Amino acid sequence: MAVVPKRRVSKTRGLKRRTHYKVKLATPIKDKNGNWKLPHTISKETGNYK
């Protein structure tokens, strides 16, 4: 036999449970030139990777 929930879980309660799934965005860092760039990318001007 399968397990059946006693009560229906509301939409709000289900969404509250999923609040921990977040997307982490990369924070920009300063290049050697002083320009802001995303980490782990190659600079087009200098060719440096950081």
N, C-alpha and C. Protein backbone atom coordinates (compact mmCIF):
# COMPACT_ATOMS: atom_id res chain seq x y z
N MET A 1 0.83 -1.19 0.00
CA MET A 1 0.00 0.00 0.00
C MET A 1 0.87 1.25 0.00
N ALA A 2 0.37 2.26 -0.64
CA ALA A 2 1.09 3.52 -0.71
C ALA A 2 0.72 4.42 0.46
N VAL A 3 1.64 5.28 0.82
CA VAL A 3 1.38 6.23 1.90
C VAL A 3 0.60 7.41 1.31
N VAL A 4 -0.48 7.77 1.99
CA VAL A 4 -1.34 8.86 1.53
C VAL A 4 -1.31 9.96 2.57
N PRO A 5 -1.08 11.24 2.17
CA PRO A 5 -1.08 12.32 3.14
C PRO A 5 -2.46 12.51 3.78
N LYS A 6 -2.47 12.81 5.08
CA LYS A 6 -3.75 13.00 5.78
C LYS A 6 -4.44 14.27 5.32
N ARG A 7 -3.65 15.33 5.12
CA ARG A 7 -4.24 16.61 4.71
C ARG A 7 -3.48 17.16 3.53
N ARG A 8 -4.16 18.02 2.78
CA ARG A 8 -3.56 18.66 1.62
C ARG A 8 -2.59 19.73 2.09
N VAL A 9 -1.44 19.80 1.46
CA VAL A 9 -0.47 20.85 1.79
C VAL A 9 -0.81 22.07 0.95
N SER A 10 -1.00 23.21 1.61
CA SER A 10 -1.39 24.42 0.90
C SER A 10 -0.26 24.94 0.02
N LYS A 11 -0.61 25.78 -0.94
CA LYS A 11 0.40 26.35 -1.86
C LYS A 11 1.43 27.17 -1.09
N THR A 12 0.95 27.95 -0.11
CA THR A 12 1.85 28.79 0.67
C THR A 12 2.84 27.96 1.45
N ARG A 13 2.37 26.89 2.06
CA ARG A 13 3.25 26.05 2.86
C ARG A 13 4.30 25.36 2.00
N GLY A 14 3.88 24.93 0.80
CA GLY A 14 4.84 24.31 -0.12
C GLY A 14 5.90 25.28 -0.58
N LEU A 15 5.48 26.52 -0.84
CA LEU A 15 6.43 27.55 -1.29
C LEU A 15 7.38 27.95 -0.16
N LYS A 16 6.89 27.97 1.06
CA LYS A 16 7.75 28.29 2.21
C LYS A 16 8.85 27.25 2.36
N ARG A 17 8.52 26.01 2.07
CA ARG A 17 9.49 24.94 2.19
C ARG A 17 10.60 25.08 1.15
N ARG A 18 10.29 25.72 0.05
CA ARG A 18 11.26 25.85 -1.05
C ARG A 18 12.04 27.16 -1.02
N THR A 19 11.97 27.91 0.08
CA THR A 19 12.68 29.19 0.13
C THR A 19 14.18 29.03 0.21
N HIS A 20 14.67 27.83 0.53
CA HIS A 20 16.10 27.63 0.69
C HIS A 20 16.81 27.42 -0.64
N TYR A 21 16.05 27.21 -1.72
CA TYR A 21 16.67 27.00 -3.03
C TYR A 21 16.91 28.36 -3.65
N LYS A 22 18.12 28.86 -3.54
CA LYS A 22 18.43 30.19 -4.04
C LYS A 22 19.54 30.11 -5.08
N VAL A 23 19.54 31.08 -5.97
CA VAL A 23 20.59 31.17 -6.98
C VAL A 23 21.64 32.14 -6.46
N LYS A 24 22.89 31.69 -6.43
CA LYS A 24 23.98 32.57 -6.01
C LYS A 24 24.62 33.18 -7.25
N LEU A 25 24.60 34.49 -7.33
CA LEU A 25 25.20 35.19 -8.46
C LEU A 25 26.65 35.53 -8.15
N ALA A 26 27.46 35.55 -9.18
CA ALA A 26 28.86 35.90 -9.01
C ALA A 26 28.98 37.39 -8.73
N THR A 27 29.82 37.75 -7.75
CA THR A 27 30.01 39.17 -7.42
C THR A 27 31.17 39.71 -8.25
N PRO A 28 31.01 40.88 -8.84
CA PRO A 28 32.09 41.46 -9.66
C PRO A 28 33.32 41.80 -8.81
N ILE A 29 34.49 41.70 -9.43
CA ILE A 29 35.75 42.05 -8.77
C ILE A 29 36.49 43.06 -9.64
N LYS A 30 37.46 43.75 -9.05
CA LYS A 30 38.23 44.74 -9.82
C LYS A 30 39.39 44.05 -10.54
N ASP A 31 39.57 44.44 -11.79
CA ASP A 31 40.66 43.93 -12.61
C ASP A 31 41.93 44.72 -12.29
N LYS A 32 43.06 44.33 -12.88
CA LYS A 32 44.31 45.08 -12.68
C LYS A 32 44.21 46.50 -13.22
N ASN A 33 43.35 46.68 -14.22
CA ASN A 33 43.15 48.02 -14.79
C ASN A 33 42.23 48.87 -13.93
N GLY A 34 41.57 48.26 -12.96
CA GLY A 34 40.61 49.00 -12.14
C GLY A 34 39.19 48.86 -12.65
N ASN A 35 39.00 48.07 -13.72
CA ASN A 35 37.66 47.86 -14.25
C ASN A 35 36.97 46.73 -13.51
N TRP A 36 35.65 46.80 -13.40
CA TRP A 36 34.89 45.74 -12.77
C TRP A 36 34.64 44.63 -13.77
N LYS A 37 34.79 43.38 -13.31
CA LYS A 37 34.52 42.24 -14.18
C LYS A 37 34.04 41.08 -13.34
N LEU A 38 33.46 40.08 -13.99
CA LEU A 38 33.01 38.89 -13.28
C LEU A 38 34.21 37.98 -13.04
N PRO A 39 34.24 37.25 -11.93
CA PRO A 39 35.37 36.36 -11.65
C PRO A 39 35.42 35.19 -12.62
N HIS A 40 36.59 34.63 -12.78
CA HIS A 40 36.84 33.46 -13.64
C HIS A 40 36.54 33.75 -15.11
N THR A 41 36.89 34.94 -15.55
CA THR A 41 36.77 35.29 -16.96
C THR A 41 38.08 35.92 -17.41
N ILE A 42 38.31 35.92 -18.70
CA ILE A 42 39.53 36.49 -19.27
C ILE A 42 39.25 37.92 -19.70
N SER A 43 40.16 38.82 -19.33
CA SER A 43 40.04 40.21 -19.73
C SER A 43 40.40 40.33 -21.21
N LYS A 44 39.56 41.02 -21.97
CA LYS A 44 39.82 41.17 -23.41
C LYS A 44 41.00 42.11 -23.68
N GLU A 45 41.20 43.10 -22.79
CA GLU A 45 42.27 44.06 -23.00
C GLU A 45 43.64 43.50 -22.64
N THR A 46 43.76 42.90 -21.46
CA THR A 46 45.07 42.44 -20.98
C THR A 46 45.30 40.96 -21.21
N GLY A 47 44.22 40.17 -21.33
CA GLY A 47 44.36 38.73 -21.50
C GLY A 47 44.61 38.00 -20.20
N ASN A 48 44.48 38.72 -19.08
CA ASN A 48 44.69 38.10 -17.76
C ASN A 48 43.46 37.31 -17.34
N TYR A 49 43.69 36.21 -16.67
CA TYR A 49 42.60 35.39 -16.13
C TYR A 49 42.66 35.45 -14.62
N LYS A 50 41.55 35.75 -14.00
CA LYS A 50 41.52 35.79 -12.53
C LYS A 50 40.20 35.30 -12.04
